Amino acid sequence: MDIRQGQVRRVAGRLAWVDVVRSSGCGRCDDAGGCGQACSARPTTYVIPISHAVAEGDRVEVSVPQNAPLVAALMTYGVGLAAMFAGALLARVVLGDSDLAVAAGAVTGLAASVLWLRRVQPRAELLPAIRAVPQTRTRPES
């Protein structure tokens, strides 16, 4: 589970817009020869479904399941690629060995995968979750 700190920017209905500071990709952004990019980048905003009350300005922890990026990549690229090849193969078998028929089948398969992916509901265990971070109060120095 990947856990990052964030701050709620906006809440609307059952969704929260959370600004999450990116972690460094190279680990030496400020060093000589480092990338100099990720540490100084602006926070990324994620829209996350919420299950409990949060308010604008709340500090939260955003947790993403370990396998969620892999499943998202497979759903996005794997389903589209498989549908494109299946459409091309089916068109070749049904309509013959014409290049135009195979290309039309590939485009049809790809379009079908896009429509299917838009309708499928994401599995709840793969969605990011937010948890409020308790505010620690410090006593003013006297």
C-alpha atoms as a PDB file:
ATOM      1  CA  MET A   1       0.000   0.000   0.000  1.00  0.00           C
ATOM      2  CA  ASP A   2       1.413   3.361  -1.065  1.00  0.00           C
ATOM      3  CA  ILE A   3       0.515   6.128   1.411  1.00  0.00           C
ATOM      4  CA  ARG A   4       1.057   9.828   0.722  1.00  0.00           C
ATOM      5  CA  GLN A   5       0.159  13.026   2.541  1.00  0.00           C
ATOM      6  CA  GLY A   6      -2.349  15.392   0.974  1.00  0.00           C
ATOM      7  CA  GLN A   7      -4.712  18.267   1.644  1.00  0.00           C
ATOM      8  CA  VAL A   8      -8.370  18.444   0.661  1.00  0.00           C
ATOM      9  CA  ARG A   9      -8.902  21.268  -1.792  1.00  0.00           C
ATOM     10  CA  ARG A  10     -12.612  20.801  -2.481  1.00  0.00           C
ATOM     11  CA  VAL A  11     -15.495  18.518  -1.539  1.00  0.00           C
ATOM     12  CA  ALA A  12     -18.562  17.991  -3.730  1.00  0.00           C
ATOM     13  CA  GLY A  13     -21.057  15.243  -3.020  1.00  0.00           C
ATOM     14  CA  ARG A  14     -19.235  11.930  -2.553  1.00  0.00           C
ATOM     15  CA  LEU A  15     -15.964  13.162  -4.132  1.00  0.00           C
ATOM     16  CA  ALA A  16     -12.983  15.035  -2.708  1.00  0.00           C
ATOM     17  CA  TRP A  17     -10.299  16.862  -4.676  1.00  0.00           C
ATOM     18  CA  VAL A  18      -7.038  16.179  -2.850  1.00  0.00           C
ATOM     19  CA  ASP A  19      -3.685  17.870  -3.550  1.00  0.00           C
ATOM     20  CA  VAL A  20      -0.892  15.317  -3.100  1.00  0.00           C
ATOM     21  CA  VAL A  21       2.770  16.290  -3.102  1.00  0.00           C
ATOM     22  CA  ARG A  22       4.725  14.072  -5.457  1.00  0.00           C
ATOM     23  CA  SER A  23       7.608  12.136  -4.039  1.00  0.00           C
ATOM     24  CA  SER A  24      10.989  12.388  -5.680  1.00  0.00           C
ATOM     25  CA  GLY A  25      11.620   9.962  -8.501  1.00  0.00           C
ATOM     26  CA  CYS A  26      15.391   9.973  -8.304  1.00  0.00           C
ATOM     27  CA  GLY A  27      15.916  10.666  -4.599  1.00  0.00           C
ATOM     28  CA  ARG A  28      18.507  13.360  -5.288  1.00  0.00           C
ATOM     29  CA  CYS A  29      16.581  16.174  -6.901  1.00  0.00           C
ATOM     30  CA  ASP A  30      18.482  18.950  -5.155  1.00  0.00           C
ATOM     31  CA  ASP A  31      21.929  17.319  -5.511  1.00  0.00           C
ATOM     32  CA  ALA A  32      24.294  18.105  -8.336  1.00  0.00           C
ATOM     33  CA  GLY A  33      23.424  15.808 -11.222  1.00  0.00           C
ATOM     34  CA  GLY A  34      19.945  15.109  -9.856  1.00  0.00           C
ATOM     35  CA  CYS A  35      16.820  15.532 -11.921  1.00  0.00           C
ATOM     36  CA  GLY A  36      15.719  18.780 -10.260  1.00  0.00           C
ATOM     37  CA  GLN A  37      12.131  18.150 -11.313  1.00  0.00           C
ATOM     38  CA  ALA A  38       9.973  16.115  -8.937  1.00  0.00           C
ATOM     39  CA  CYS A  39      10.851  17.871  -5.677  1.00  0.00           C
ATOM     40  CA  SER A  40      10.014  21.323  -6.945  1.00  0.00           C
ATOM     41  CA  ALA A  41       6.903  20.300  -8.878  1.00  0.00           C
ATOM     42  CA  ARG A  42       3.456  21.497  -7.924  1.00  0.00           C
ATOM     43  CA  PRO A  43       1.170  19.051  -6.122  1.00  0.00           C
ATOM     44  CA  THR A  44      -0.983  16.735  -8.210  1.00  0.00           C
ATOM     45  CA  THR A  45      -4.739  16.864  -7.676  1.00  0.00           C
ATOM     46  CA  TYR A  46      -6.661  13.593  -7.430  1.00  0.00           C
ATOM     47  CA  VAL A  47     -10.434  13.177  -7.363  1.00  0.00           C
ATOM     48  CA  ILE A  48     -11.162  10.476  -4.785  1.00  0.00           C
ATOM     49  CA  PRO A  49     -14.480   8.990  -3.667  1.00  0.00           C
ATOM     50  CA  ILE A  50     -15.033   9.537   0.049  1.00  0.00           C
ATOM     51  CA  SER A  51     -16.787   7.337   2.576  1.00  0.00           C
ATOM     52  CA  HIS A  52     -16.629   9.666   5.590  1.00  0.00           C
ATOM     53  CA  ALA A  53     -16.865  13.406   6.141  1.00  0.00           C
ATOM     54  CA  VAL A  54     -13.880  15.542   5.222  1.00  0.00           C
ATOM     55  CA  ALA A  55     -13.767  19.304   4.831  1.00  0.00           C
ATOM     56  CA  GLU A  56     -11.772  21.696   2.714  1.00  0.00           C
ATOM     57  CA  GLY A  57      -8.325  22.234   4.178  1.00  0.00           C
ATOM     58  CA  ASP A  58      -8.192  18.912   6.060  1.00  0.00           C
ATOM     59  CA  ARG A  59      -4.870  17.087   6.038  1.00  0.00           C
ATOM     60  CA  VAL A  60      -5.370  13.505   4.864  1.00  0.00           C
ATOM     61  CA  GLU A  61      -3.437  10.381   3.987  1.00  0.00           C
ATOM     62  CA  VAL A  62      -4.141   8.999   0.529  1.00  0.00           C
ATOM     63  CA  SER A  63      -3.584   5.258   0.275  1.00  0.00           C
ATOM     64  CA  VAL A  64      -3.418   3.471  -3.060  1.00  0.00           C
ATOM     65  CA  PRO A  65      -3.502  -0.337  -3.159  1.00  0.00           C
ATOM     66  CA  GLN A  66      -0.247  -1.877  -4.350  1.00  0.00           C
ATOM     67  CA  ASN A  67      -1.708  -3.590  -7.430  1.00  0.00           C
ATOM     68  CA  ALA A  68      -4.010  -0.729  -8.527  1.00  0.00           C
ATOM     69  CA  PRO A  69      -1.568   0.838 -11.060  1.00  0.00           C
ATOM     70  CA  LEU A  70      -0.933  -2.560 -12.685  1.00  0.00           C
ATOM     71  CA  VAL A  71      -4.648  -3.344 -12.946  1.00  0.00           C
ATOM     72  CA  ALA A  72      -5.347   0.136 -14.338  1.00  0.00           C
ATOM     73  CA  ALA A  73      -2.627  -0.266 -16.986  1.00  0.00           C
ATOM     74  CA  LEU A  74      -3.889  -3.721 -17.953  1.00  0.00           C
ATOM     75  CA  MET A  75      -7.457  -2.462 -18.198  1.00  0.00           C
ATOM     76  CA  THR A  76      -6.463   0.573 -20.222  1.00  0.00           C
ATOM     77  CA  TYR A  77      -3.937  -0.930 -22.616  1.00  0.00           C
ATOM     78  CA  GLY A  78      -4.480  -4.693 -22.388  1.00  0.00           C
ATOM     79  CA  VAL A  79      -8.228  -4.682 -23.022  1.00  0.00           C
ATOM     80  CA  GLY A  80      -7.897  -2.234 -25.917  1.00  0.00           C
ATOM     81  CA  LEU A  81      -5.064  -4.152 -27.523  1.00  0.00           C
ATOM     82  CA  ALA A  82      -6.783  -7.527 -27.125  1.00  0.00           C
ATOM     83  CA  ALA A  83     -10.059  -6.164 -28.535  1.00  0.00           C
ATOM     84  CA  MET A  84      -8.245  -4.583 -31.474  1.00  0.00           C
ATOM     85  CA  PHE A  85      -6.526  -7.862 -32.375  1.00  0.00           C
ATOM     86  CA  ALA A  86      -9.728  -9.861 -31.830  1.00  0.00           C
ATOM     87  CA  GLY A  87     -11.652  -7.469 -34.081  1.00  0.00           C
ATOM     88  CA  ALA A  88      -9.003  -7.703 -36.786  1.00  0.00           C
ATOM     89  CA  LEU A  89      -8.898 -11.512 -36.594  1.00  0.00           C
ATOM     90  CA  LEU A  90     -12.685 -11.829 -36.613  1.00  0.00           C
ATOM     91  CA  ALA A  91     -12.973  -9.470 -39.605  1.00  0.00           C
ATOM     92  CA  ARG A  92     -10.314 -11.480 -41.467  1.00  0.00           C
ATOM     93  CA  VAL A  93     -12.157 -14.743 -40.835  1.00  0.00           C
ATOM     94  CA  VAL A  94     -15.621 -13.371 -41.664  1.00  0.00           C
ATOM     95  CA  LEU A  95     -14.897 -10.816 -44.412  1.00  0.00           C
ATOM     96  CA  GLY A  96     -11.781 -12.253 -46.025  1.00  0.00           C
ATOM     97  CA  ASP A  97      -8.163 -11.267 -46.379  1.00  0.00           C
ATOM     98  CA  SER A  98      -8.797  -7.661 -47.445  1.00  0.00           C
ATOM     99  CA  ASP A  99      -6.654  -4.993 -45.761  1.00  0.00           C
ATOM    100  CA  LEU A 100      -9.643  -2.699 -45.536  1.00  0.00           C
ATOM    101  CA  ALA A 101     -11.731  -5.370 -43.787  1.00  0.00           C
ATOM    102  CA  VAL A 102      -8.948  -6.144 -41.287  1.00  0.00           C
ATOM    103  CA  ALA A 103      -8.423  -2.435 -40.543  1.00  0.00           C
ATOM    104  CA  ALA A 104     -12.177  -1.917 -40.084  1.00  0.00           C
ATOM    105  CA  GLY A 105     -12.308  -4.908 -37.749  1.00  0.00           C
ATOM    106  CA  ALA A 106      -9.398  -3.561 -35.702  1.00  0.00           C
ATOM    107  CA  VAL A 107     -11.013  -0.135 -35.378  1.00  0.00           C
ATOM    108  CA  THR A 108     -14.354  -1.722 -34.468  1.00  0.00           C
ATOM    109  CA  GLY A 109     -12.714  -3.867 -31.783  1.00  0.00           C
ATOM    110  CA  LEU A 110     -10.890  -0.857 -30.348  1.00  0.00           C
ATOM    111  CA  ALA A 111     -14.102   1.207 -30.308  1.00  0.00           C
ATOM    112  CA  ALA A 112     -15.943  -1.644 -28.588  1.00  0.00           C
ATOM    113  CA  SER A 113     -13.263  -1.790 -25.885  1.00  0.00           C
ATOM    114  CA  VAL A 114     -13.558   1.954 -25.265  1.00  0.00           C
ATOM    115  CA  LEU A 115     -17.330   1.675 -24.881  1.00  0.00           C
ATOM    116  CA  TRP A 116     -16.993  -1.325 -22.562  1.00  0.00           C
ATOM    117  CA  LEU A 117     -14.328   0.351 -20.405  1.00  0.00           C
ATOM    118  CA  ARG A 118     -16.514   3.444 -19.980  1.00  0.00           C
ATOM    119  CA  ARG A 119     -19.393   1.307 -18.676  1.00  0.00           C
ATOM    120  CA  VAL A 120     -17.472  -1.006 -16.354  1.00  0.00           C
ATOM    121  CA  GLN A 121     -17.510   0.009 -12.684  1.00  0.00           C
ATOM    122  CA  PRO A 122     -14.159   0.197 -10.874  1.00  0.00           C
ATOM    123  CA  ARG A 123     -13.665  -2.357  -8.131  1.00  0.00           C
ATOM    124  CA  ALA A 124     -13.816  -0.701  -4.719  1.00  0.00           C
ATOM    125  CA  GLU A 125     -10.666  -2.444  -3.459  1.00  0.00           C
ATOM    126  CA  LEU A 126      -8.618  -0.814  -6.241  1.00  0.00           C
ATOM    127  CA  LEU A 127      -9.741   2.773  -5.606  1.00  0.00           C
ATOM    128  CA  PRO A 128      -7.616   5.124  -3.519  1.00  0.00           C
ATOM    129  CA  ALA A 129      -8.894   5.835  -0.018  1.00  0.00           C
ATOM    130  CA  ILE A 130      -8.393   8.831   2.226  1.00  0.00           C
ATOM    131  CA  ARG A 131      -8.029   8.951   5.980  1.00  0.00           C
ATOM    132  CA  ALA A 132      -7.946  12.101   8.073  1.00  0.00           C
ATOM    133  CA  VAL A 133      -4.644  12.878   9.745  1.00  0.00           C
ATOM    134  CA  PRO A 134      -5.063  13.924  13.389  1.00  0.00           C
ATOM    135  CA  GLN A 135      -4.021  17.520  13.942  1.00  0.00           C
ATOM    136  CA  THR A 136      -1.274  17.868  16.517  1.00  0.00           C
ATOM    137  CA  ARG A 137      -1.337  21.068  18.479  1.00  0.00           C
ATOM    138  CA  THR A 138       1.843  22.567  19.777  1.00  0.00           C
ATOM    139  CA  ARG A 139       1.983  24.817  22.798  1.00  0.00           C
ATOM    140  CA  PRO A 140       3.295  28.293  22.179  1.00  0.00           C
ATOM    141  CA  GLU A 141       6.674  28.902  23.741  1.00  0.00           C
ATOM    142  CA  SER A 142       6.611  31.300  26.709  1.00  0.00           C
END
